[in-house]
Amino acid sequence: MTIMEMLEQSAVLTMLGVGVVFSFLILLILCITLVGKAFHALESRKNVNSQGQTTADIAVNKEENNPHIAAIITAVNEYRKSC
């Protein structure tokens, strides 16, 4: 086996390895994205209580004396709605 054949073989193996790792990372990103969306959907259903208020709305009602906390909770709630 000559040095050129060995270099060709090492290049093929390197590209194969890079392809496998790249494919695995793409698959991992897709799985994490899907699981995140599933948890987000389950969380939004879980946070609605029997009166139709979310836990954030209840927290805003409880924190009427502290407008900073109410503003932060409202901003987070609006951000979650936009996603």
PDB file of N, CA and C in Angstrom:
ATOM      1  N   MET A   1       0.845  -1.170   0.000  1.00  0.00           N
ATOM      2  CA  MET A   1       0.000   0.000   0.000  1.00  0.00           C
ATOM      3  C   MET A   1       0.896   1.241   0.000  1.00  0.00           C
ATOM      4  N   THR A   2       0.667   2.096  -0.980  1.00  0.00           N
ATOM      5  CA  THR A   2       1.499   3.297  -1.091  1.00  0.00           C
ATOM      6  C   THR A   2       0.962   4.399  -0.182  1.00  0.00           C
ATOM      7  N   ILE A   3       1.767   5.427  -0.077  1.00  0.00           N
ATOM      8  CA  ILE A   3       1.377   6.549   0.787  1.00  0.00           C
ATOM      9  C   ILE A   3       0.156   7.279   0.232  1.00  0.00           C
ATOM     10  N   MET A   4       0.024   7.343  -1.082  1.00  0.00           N
ATOM     11  CA  MET A   4      -1.131   8.014  -1.694  1.00  0.00           C
ATOM     12  C   MET A   4      -2.414   7.239  -1.395  1.00  0.00           C
ATOM     13  N   GLU A   5      -2.349   5.927  -1.456  1.00  0.00           N
ATOM     14  CA  GLU A   5      -3.530   5.116  -1.141  1.00  0.00           C
ATOM     15  C   GLU A   5      -3.927   5.287   0.327  1.00  0.00           C
ATOM     16  N   MET A   6      -2.919   5.351   1.176  1.00  0.00           N
ATOM     17  CA  MET A   6      -3.197   5.547   2.600  1.00  0.00           C
ATOM     18  C   MET A   6      -3.809   6.920   2.856  1.00  0.00           C
ATOM     19  N   LEU A   7      -3.324   7.954   2.166  1.00  0.00           N
ATOM     20  CA  LEU A   7      -3.887   9.292   2.321  1.00  0.00           C
ATOM     21  C   LEU A   7      -5.326   9.357   1.808  1.00  0.00           C
ATOM     22  N   GLU A   8      -5.581   8.691   0.689  1.00  0.00           N
ATOM     23  CA  GLU A   8      -6.942   8.648   0.154  1.00  0.00           C
ATOM     24  C   GLU A   8      -7.881   7.946   1.129  1.00  0.00           C
ATOM     25  N   GLN A   9      -7.423   6.851   1.673  1.00  0.00           N
ATOM     26  CA  GLN A   9      -8.242   6.099   2.615  1.00  0.00           C
ATOM     27  C   GLN A   9      -8.498   6.916   3.904  1.00  0.00           C
ATOM     28  N   SER A  10      -7.489   7.613   4.362  1.00  0.00           N
ATOM     29  CA  SER A  10      -7.677   8.427   5.567  1.00  0.00           C
ATOM     30  C   SER A  10      -8.618   9.591   5.298  1.00  0.00           C
ATOM     31  N   ALA A  11      -8.585  10.175   4.105  1.00  0.00           N
ATOM     32  CA  ALA A  11      -9.498  11.262   3.750  1.00  0.00           C
ATOM     33  C   ALA A  11     -10.942  10.758   3.708  1.00  0.00           C
ATOM     34  N   VAL A  12     -11.130   9.574   3.138  1.00  0.00           N
ATOM     35  CA  VAL A  12     -12.477   8.998   3.075  1.00  0.00           C
ATOM     36  C   VAL A  12     -12.996   8.721   4.486  1.00  0.00           C
ATOM     37  N   LEU A  13     -12.163   8.137   5.328  1.00  0.00           N
ATOM     38  CA  LEU A  13     -12.580   7.848   6.703  1.00  0.00           C
ATOM     39  C   LEU A  13     -12.854   9.130   7.492  1.00  0.00           C
ATOM     40  N   THR A  14     -12.070  10.166   7.250  1.00  0.00           N
ATOM     41  CA  THR A  14     -12.295  11.443   7.921  1.00  0.00           C
ATOM     42  C   THR A  14     -13.626  12.045   7.502  1.00  0.00           C
ATOM     43  N   MET A  15     -13.909  12.053   6.224  1.00  0.00           N
ATOM     44  CA  MET A  15     -15.178  12.594   5.739  1.00  0.00           C
ATOM     45  C   MET A  15     -16.357  11.766   6.243  1.00  0.00           C
ATOM     46  N   LEU A  16     -16.196  10.450   6.304  1.00  0.00           N
ATOM     47  CA  LEU A  16     -17.247   9.595   6.835  1.00  0.00           C
ATOM     48  C   LEU A  16     -17.502   9.912   8.309  1.00  0.00           C
ATOM     49  N   GLY A  17     -16.452  10.084   9.074  1.00  0.00           N
ATOM     50  CA  GLY A  17     -16.592  10.418  10.488  1.00  0.00           C
ATOM     51  C   GLY A  17     -17.249  11.769  10.699  1.00  0.00           C
ATOM     52  N   VAL A  18     -16.838  12.754   9.927  1.00  0.00           N
ATOM     53  CA  VAL A  18     -17.439  14.097  10.023  1.00  0.00           C
ATOM     54  C   VAL A  18     -18.909  14.033   9.645  1.00  0.00           C
ATOM     55  N   GLY A  19     -19.242  13.271   8.630  1.00  0.00           N
ATOM     56  CA  GLY A  19     -20.642  13.128   8.205  1.00  0.00           C
ATOM     57  C   GLY A  19     -21.497  12.476   9.278  1.00  0.00           C
ATOM     58  N   VAL A  20     -20.969  11.455   9.923  1.00  0.00           N
ATOM     59  CA  VAL A  20     -21.718  10.772  10.986  1.00  0.00           C
ATOM     60  C   VAL A  20     -21.949  11.725  12.159  1.00  0.00           C
ATOM     61  N   VAL A  21     -20.924  12.443  12.581  1.00  0.00           N
ATOM     62  CA  VAL A  21     -21.066  13.379  13.698  1.00  0.00           C
ATOM     63  C   VAL A  21     -22.037  14.496  13.338  1.00  0.00           C
ATOM     64  N   PHE A  22     -21.939  15.033  12.143  1.00  0.00           N
ATOM     65  CA  PHE A  22     -22.841  16.100  11.710  1.00  0.00           C
ATOM     66  C   PHE A  22     -24.288  15.607  11.687  1.00  0.00           C
ATOM     67  N   SER A  23     -24.509  14.415  11.156  1.00  0.00           N
ATOM     68  CA  SER A  23     -25.858  13.849  11.120  1.00  0.00           C
ATOM     69  C   SER A  23     -26.405  13.642  12.524  1.00  0.00           C
ATOM     70  N   PHE A  24     -25.576  13.149  13.423  1.00  0.00           N
ATOM     71  CA  PHE A  24     -26.005  12.937  14.802  1.00  0.00           C
ATOM     72  C   PHE A  24     -26.382  14.260  15.467  1.00  0.00           C
ATOM     73  N   LEU A  25     -25.599  15.295  15.248  1.00  0.00           N
ATOM     74  CA  LEU A  25     -25.897  16.586  15.854  1.00  0.00           C
ATOM     75  C   LEU A  25     -27.195  17.184  15.309  1.00  0.00           C
ATOM     76  N   ILE A  26     -27.430  17.051  14.023  1.00  0.00           N
ATOM     77  CA  ILE A  26     -28.682  17.534  13.432  1.00  0.00           C
ATOM     78  C   ILE A  26     -29.865  16.784  14.031  1.00  0.00           C
ATOM     79  N   LEU A  27     -29.747  15.464  14.152  1.00  0.00           N
ATOM     80  CA  LEU A  27     -30.806  14.654  14.747  1.00  0.00           C
ATOM     81  C   LEU A  27     -31.035  15.044  16.205  1.00  0.00           C
ATOM     82  N   LEU A  28     -29.978  15.297  16.936  1.00  0.00           N
ATOM     83  CA  LEU A  28     -30.078  15.705  18.332  1.00  0.00           C
ATOM     84  C   LEU A  28     -30.788  17.054  18.462  1.00  0.00           C
ATOM     85  N   ILE A  29     -30.456  17.997  17.608  1.00  0.00           N
ATOM     86  CA  ILE A  29     -31.099  19.314  17.634  1.00  0.00           C
ATOM     87  C   ILE A  29     -32.592  19.186  17.332  1.00  0.00           C
ATOM     88  N   LEU A  30     -32.943  18.365  16.363  1.00  0.00           N
ATOM     89  CA  LEU A  30     -34.355  18.161  16.030  1.00  0.00           C
ATOM     90  C   LEU A  30     -35.118  17.534  17.191  1.00  0.00           C
ATOM     91  N   CYS A  31     -34.528  16.537  17.819  1.00  0.00           N
ATOM     92  CA  CYS A  31     -35.187  15.889  18.960  1.00  0.00           C
ATOM     93  C   CYS A  31     -35.371  16.858  20.120  1.00  0.00           C
ATOM     94  N   ILE A  32     -34.365  17.633  20.433  1.00  0.00           N
ATOM     95  CA  ILE A  32     -34.462  18.590  21.540  1.00  0.00           C
ATOM     96  C   ILE A  32     -35.526  19.641  21.224  1.00  0.00           C
ATOM     97  N   THR A  33     -35.591  20.097  19.993  1.00  0.00           N
ATOM     98  CA  THR A  33     -36.597  21.082  19.601  1.00  0.00           C
ATOM     99  C   THR A  33     -38.006  20.515  19.748  1.00  0.00           C
ATOM    100  N   LEU A  34     -38.205  19.279  19.285  1.00  0.00           N
ATOM    101  CA  LEU A  34     -39.529  18.658  19.381  1.00  0.00           C
ATOM    102  C   LEU A  34     -39.936  18.427  20.832  1.00  0.00           C
ATOM    103  N   VAL A  35     -39.014  17.969  21.655  1.00  0.00           N
ATOM    104  CA  VAL A  35     -39.323  17.748  23.067  1.00  0.00           C
ATOM    105  C   VAL A  35     -39.619  19.079  23.755  1.00  0.00           C
ATOM    106  N   GLY A  36     -38.887  20.122  23.418  1.00  0.00           N
ATOM    107  CA  GLY A  36     -39.147  21.440  23.986  1.00  0.00           C
ATOM    108  C   GLY A  36     -40.528  21.951  23.624  1.00  0.00           C
ATOM    109  N   LYS A  37     -40.926  21.769  22.371  1.00  0.00           N
ATOM    110  CA  LYS A  37     -42.261  22.189  21.957  1.00  0.00           C
ATOM    111  C   LYS A  37     -43.338  21.373  22.659  1.00  0.00           C
ATOM    112  N   ALA A  38     -43.099  20.074  22.838  1.00  0.00           N
ATOM    113  CA  ALA A  38     -44.072  19.226  23.534  1.00  0.00           C
ATOM    114  C   ALA A  38     -44.224  19.657  24.983  1.00  0.00           C
ATOM    115  N   PHE A  39     -43.113  19.929  25.682  1.00  0.00           N
ATOM    116  CA  PHE A  39     -43.187  20.389  27.067  1.00  0.00           C
ATOM    117  C   PHE A  39     -43.866  21.742  27.154  1.00  0.00           C
ATOM    118  N   HIS A  40     -43.581  22.607  26.194  1.00  0.00           N
ATOM    119  CA  HIS A  40     -44.202  23.931  26.200  1.00  0.00           C
ATOM    120  C   HIS A  40     -45.719  23.805  26.034  1.00  0.00           C
ATOM    121  N   ALA A  41     -46.166  22.907  25.153  1.00  0.00           N
ATOM    122  CA  ALA A  41     -47.597  22.698  24.942  1.00  0.00           C
ATOM    123  C   ALA A  41     -48.244  22.106  26.195  1.00  0.00           C
ATOM    124  N   LEU A  42     -47.578  21.161  26.831  1.00  0.00           N
ATOM    125  CA  LEU A  42     -48.120  20.570  28.052  1.00  0.00           C
ATOM    126  C   LEU A  42     -48.157  21.582  29.192  1.00  0.00           C
ATOM    127  N   GLU A  43     -47.141  22.429  29.271  1.00  0.00           N
ATOM    128  CA  GLU A  43     -47.085  23.437  30.329  1.00  0.00           C
ATOM    129  C   GLU A  43     -48.204  24.452  30.182  1.00  0.00           C
ATOM    130  N   SER A  44     -48.498  24.864  28.958  1.00  0.00           N
ATOM    131  CA  SER A  44     -49.537  25.867  28.757  1.00  0.00           C
ATOM    132  C   SER A  44     -50.907  25.291  29.102  1.00  0.00           C
ATOM    133  N   ARG A  45     -51.125  23.997  28.855  1.00  0.00           N
ATOM    134  CA  ARG A  45     -52.385  23.374  29.250  1.00  0.00           C
ATOM    135  C   ARG A  45     -52.467  23.208  30.763  1.00  0.00           C
ATOM    136  N   LYS A  46     -51.357  22.900  31.370  1.00  0.00           N
ATOM    137  CA  LYS A  46     -51.323  22.642  32.805  1.00  0.00           C
ATOM    138  C   LYS A  46     -51.522  23.911  33.617  1.00  0.00           C
ATOM    139  N   ASN A  47     -51.070  25.056  33.123  1.00  0.00           N
ATOM    140  CA  ASN A  47     -51.132  26.308  33.871  1.00  0.00           C
ATOM    141  C   ASN A  47     -52.508  26.956  33.888  1.00  0.00           C
ATOM    142  N   VAL A  48     -53.433  26.450  33.124  1.00  0.00           N
ATOM    143  CA  VAL A  48     -54.772  27.046  33.108  1.00  0.00           C
ATOM    144  C   VAL A  48     -55.604  26.343  34.174  1.00  0.00           C
ATOM    145  N   ASN A  49     -56.117  27.120  35.143  1.00  0.00           N
ATOM    146  CA  ASN A  49     -56.923  26.505  36.194  1.00  0.00           C
ATOM    147  C   ASN A  49     -58.395  26.503  35.809  1.00  0.00           C
ATOM    148  N   SER A  50     -59.260  26.108  36.710  1.00  0.00           N
ATOM    149  CA  SER A  50     -60.672  25.915  36.383  1.00  0.00           C
ATOM    150  C   SER A  50     -61.388  27.215  36.023  1.00  0.00           C
ATOM    151  N   GLN A  51     -60.937  28.374  36.528  1.00  0.00           N
ATOM    152  CA  GLN A  51     -61.591  29.633  36.178  1.00  0.00           C
ATOM    153  C   GLN A  51     -61.061  30.222  34.872  1.00  0.00           C
ATOM    154  N   GLY A  52     -60.094  29.589  34.239  1.00  0.00           N
ATOM    155  CA  GLY A  52     -59.557  30.092  32.993  1.00  0.00           C
ATOM    156  C   GLY A  52     -58.410  31.068  33.178  1.00  0.00           C
ATOM    157  N   GLN A  53     -57.976  31.298  34.428  1.00  0.00           N
ATOM    158  CA  GLN A  53     -56.843  32.185  34.669  1.00  0.00           C
ATOM    159  C   GLN A  53     -55.562  31.357  34.682  1.00  0.00           C
ATOM    160  N   THR A  54     -54.520  31.929  34.146  1.00  0.00           N
ATOM    161  CA  THR A  54     -53.230  31.257  34.218  1.00  0.00           C
ATOM    162  C   THR A  54     -52.588  31.547  35.565  1.00  0.00           C
ATOM    163  N   THR A  55     -51.574  30.784  35.896  1.00  0.00           N
ATOM    164  CA  THR A  55     -50.885  30.998  37.169  1.00  0.00           C
ATOM    165  C   THR A  55     -50.221  32.370  37.203  1.00  0.00           C
ATOM    166  N   ALA A  56     -49.797  32.880  36.050  1.00  0.00           N
ATOM    167  CA  ALA A  56     -49.195  34.217  36.006  1.00  0.00           C
ATOM    168  C   ALA A  56     -50.237  35.285  36.334  1.00  0.00           C
ATOM    169  N   ASP A  57     -51.471  35.109  35.834  1.00  0.00           N
ATOM    170  CA  ASP A  57     -52.528  36.064  36.146  1.00  0.00           C
ATOM    171  C   ASP A  57     -52.845  36.058  37.638  1.00  0.00           C
ATOM    172  N   ILE A  58     -52.862  34.875  38.223  1.00  0.00           N
ATOM    173  CA  ILE A  58     -53.117  34.765  39.657  1.00  0.00           C
ATOM    174  C   ILE A  58     -51.997  35.440  40.434  1.00  0.00           C
ATOM    175  N   ALA A  59     -50.737  35.231  39.995  1.00  0.00           N
ATOM    176  CA  ALA A  59     -49.597  35.854  40.672  1.00  0.00           C
ATOM    177  C   ALA A  59     -49.673  37.372  40.570  1.00  0.00           C
ATOM    178  N   VAL A  60     -50.117  37.897  39.431  1.00  0.00           N
ATOM    179  CA  VAL A  60     -50.252  39.348  39.276  1.00  0.00           C
ATOM    180  C   VAL A  60     -51.315  39.860  40.243  1.00  0.00           C
ATOM    181  N   ASN A  61     -52.401  39.125  40.383  1.00  0.00           N
ATOM    182  CA  ASN A  61     -53.453  39.556  41.302  1.00  0.00           C
ATOM    183  C   ASN A  61     -52.971  39.542  42.748  1.00  0.00           C
ATOM    184  N   LYS A  62     -52.142  38.573  43.122  1.00  0.00           N
ATOM    185  CA  LYS A  62     -51.631  38.490  44.480  1.00  0.00           C
ATOM    186  C   LYS A  62     -50.594  39.571  44.760  1.00  0.00           C
ATOM    187  N   GLU A  63     -49.887  40.009  43.739  1.00  0.00           N
ATOM    188  CA  GLU A  63     -48.792  40.956  43.915  1.00  0.00           C
ATOM    189  C   GLU A  63     -49.195  42.380  43.560  1.00  0.00           C
ATOM    190  N   GLU A  64     -50.414  42.753  43.860  1.00  0.00           N
ATOM    191  CA  GLU A  64     -50.877  44.104  43.534  1.00  0.00           C
ATOM    192  C   GLU A  64     -50.090  45.176  44.268  1.00  0.00           C
ATOM    193  N   ASN A  65     -49.548  44.850  45.431  1.00  0.00           N
ATOM    194  CA  ASN A  65     -48.802  45.839  46.209  1.00  0.00           C
ATOM    195  C   ASN A  65     -47.412  46.098  45.639  1.00  0.00           C
ATOM    196  N   ASN A  66     -46.897  45.210  44.820  1.00  0.00           N
ATOM    197  CA  ASN A  66     -45.557  45.362  44.274  1.00  0.00           C
ATOM    198  C   ASN A  66     -45.638  45.449  42.751  1.00  0.00           C
ATOM    199  N   PRO A  67     -45.670  46.640  42.197  1.00  0.00           N
ATOM    200  CA  PRO A  67     -45.855  46.785  40.744  1.00  0.00           C
ATOM    201  C   PRO A  67     -44.676  46.262  39.925  1.00  0.00           C
ATOM    202  N   HIS A  68     -43.468  46.215  40.498  1.00  0.00           N
ATOM    203  CA  HIS A  68     -42.324  45.715  39.741  1.00  0.00           C
ATOM    204  C   HIS A  68     -42.484  44.227  39.426  1.00  0.00           C
ATOM    205  N   ILE A  69     -42.888  43.470  40.414  1.00  0.00           N
ATOM    206  CA  ILE A  69     -43.070  42.034  40.197  1.00  0.00           C
ATOM    207  C   ILE A  69     -44.203  41.792  39.211  1.00  0.00           C
ATOM    208  N   ALA A  70     -45.276  42.546  39.345  1.00  0.00           N
ATOM    209  CA  ALA A  70     -46.401  42.402  38.424  1.00  0.00           C
ATOM    210  C   ALA A  70     -45.975  42.736  36.994  1.00  0.00           C
ATOM    211  N   ALA A  71     -45.145  43.758  36.819  1.00  0.00           N
ATOM    212  CA  ALA A  71     -44.686  44.143  35.482  1.00  0.00           C
ATOM    213  C   ALA A  71     -43.791  43.064  34.886  1.00  0.00           C
ATOM    214  N   ILE A  72     -42.927  42.485  35.703  1.00  0.00           N
ATOM    215  CA  ILE A  72     -42.032  41.431  35.211  1.00  0.00           C
ATOM    216  C   ILE A  72     -42.835  40.206  34.804  1.00  0.00           C
ATOM    217  N   ILE A  73     -43.792  39.808  35.635  1.00  0.00           N
ATOM    218  CA  ILE A  73     -44.609  38.635  35.312  1.00  0.00           C
ATOM    219  C   ILE A  73     -45.412  38.877  34.041  1.00  0.00           C
ATOM    220  N   THR A  74     -45.948  40.078  33.897  1.00  0.00           N
ATOM    221  CA  THR A  74     -46.711  40.403  32.691  1.00  0.00           C
ATOM    222  C   THR A  74     -45.819  40.383  31.451  1.00  0.00           C
ATOM    223  N   ALA A  75     -44.606  40.906  31.569  1.00  0.00           N
ATOM    224  CA  ALA A  75     -43.687  40.915  30.428  1.00  0.00           C
ATOM    225  C   ALA A  75     -43.295  39.491  30.026  1.00  0.00           C
ATOM    226  N   VAL A  76     -43.035  38.641  30.998  1.00  0.00           N
ATOM    227  CA  VAL A  76     -42.693  37.251  30.694  1.00  0.00           C
ATOM    228  C   VAL A  76     -43.874  36.557  30.043  1.00  0.00           C
ATOM    229  N   ASN A  77     -45.075  36.829  30.544  1.00  0.00           N
ATOM    230  CA  ASN A  77     -46.276  36.235  29.967  1.00  0.00           C
ATOM    231  C   ASN A  77     -46.459  36.658  28.511  1.00  0.00           C
ATOM    232  N   GLU A  78     -46.265  37.934  28.206  1.00  0.00           N
ATOM    233  CA  GLU A  78     -46.391  38.425  26.837  1.00  0.00           C
ATOM    234  C   GLU A  78     -45.326  37.801  25.929  1.00  0.00           C
ATOM    235  N   TYR A  79     -44.114  37.646  26.458  1.00  0.00           N
ATOM    236  CA  TYR A  79     -43.050  37.032  25.672  1.00  0.00           C
ATOM    237  C   TYR A  79     -43.394  35.586  25.334  1.00  0.00           C
ATOM    238  N   ARG A  80     -43.921  34.851  26.309  1.00  0.00           N
ATOM    239  CA  ARG A  80     -44.285  33.456  26.061  1.00  0.00           C
ATOM    240  C   ARG A  80     -45.404  33.341  25.045  1.00  0.00           C
ATOM    241  N   LYS A  81     -46.324  34.299  25.039  1.00  0.00           N
ATOM    242  CA  LYS A  81     -47.403  34.287  24.059  1.00  0.00           C
ATOM    243  C   LYS A  81     -46.894  34.541  22.651  1.00  0.00           C
ATOM    244  N   SER A  82     -45.830  35.326  22.523  1.00  0.00           N
ATOM    245  CA  SER A  82     -45.301  35.663  21.201  1.00  0.00           C
ATOM    246  C   SER A  82     -44.473  34.541  20.595  1.00  0.00           C
ATOM    247  N   CYS A  83     -44.002  33.607  21.408  1.00  0.00           N
ATOM    248  CA  CYS A  83     -43.176  32.493  20.899  1.00  0.00           C
ATOM    249  C   CYS A  83     -43.973  31.432  20.241  1.00  0.00           C
TER     250      CYS A  83
END
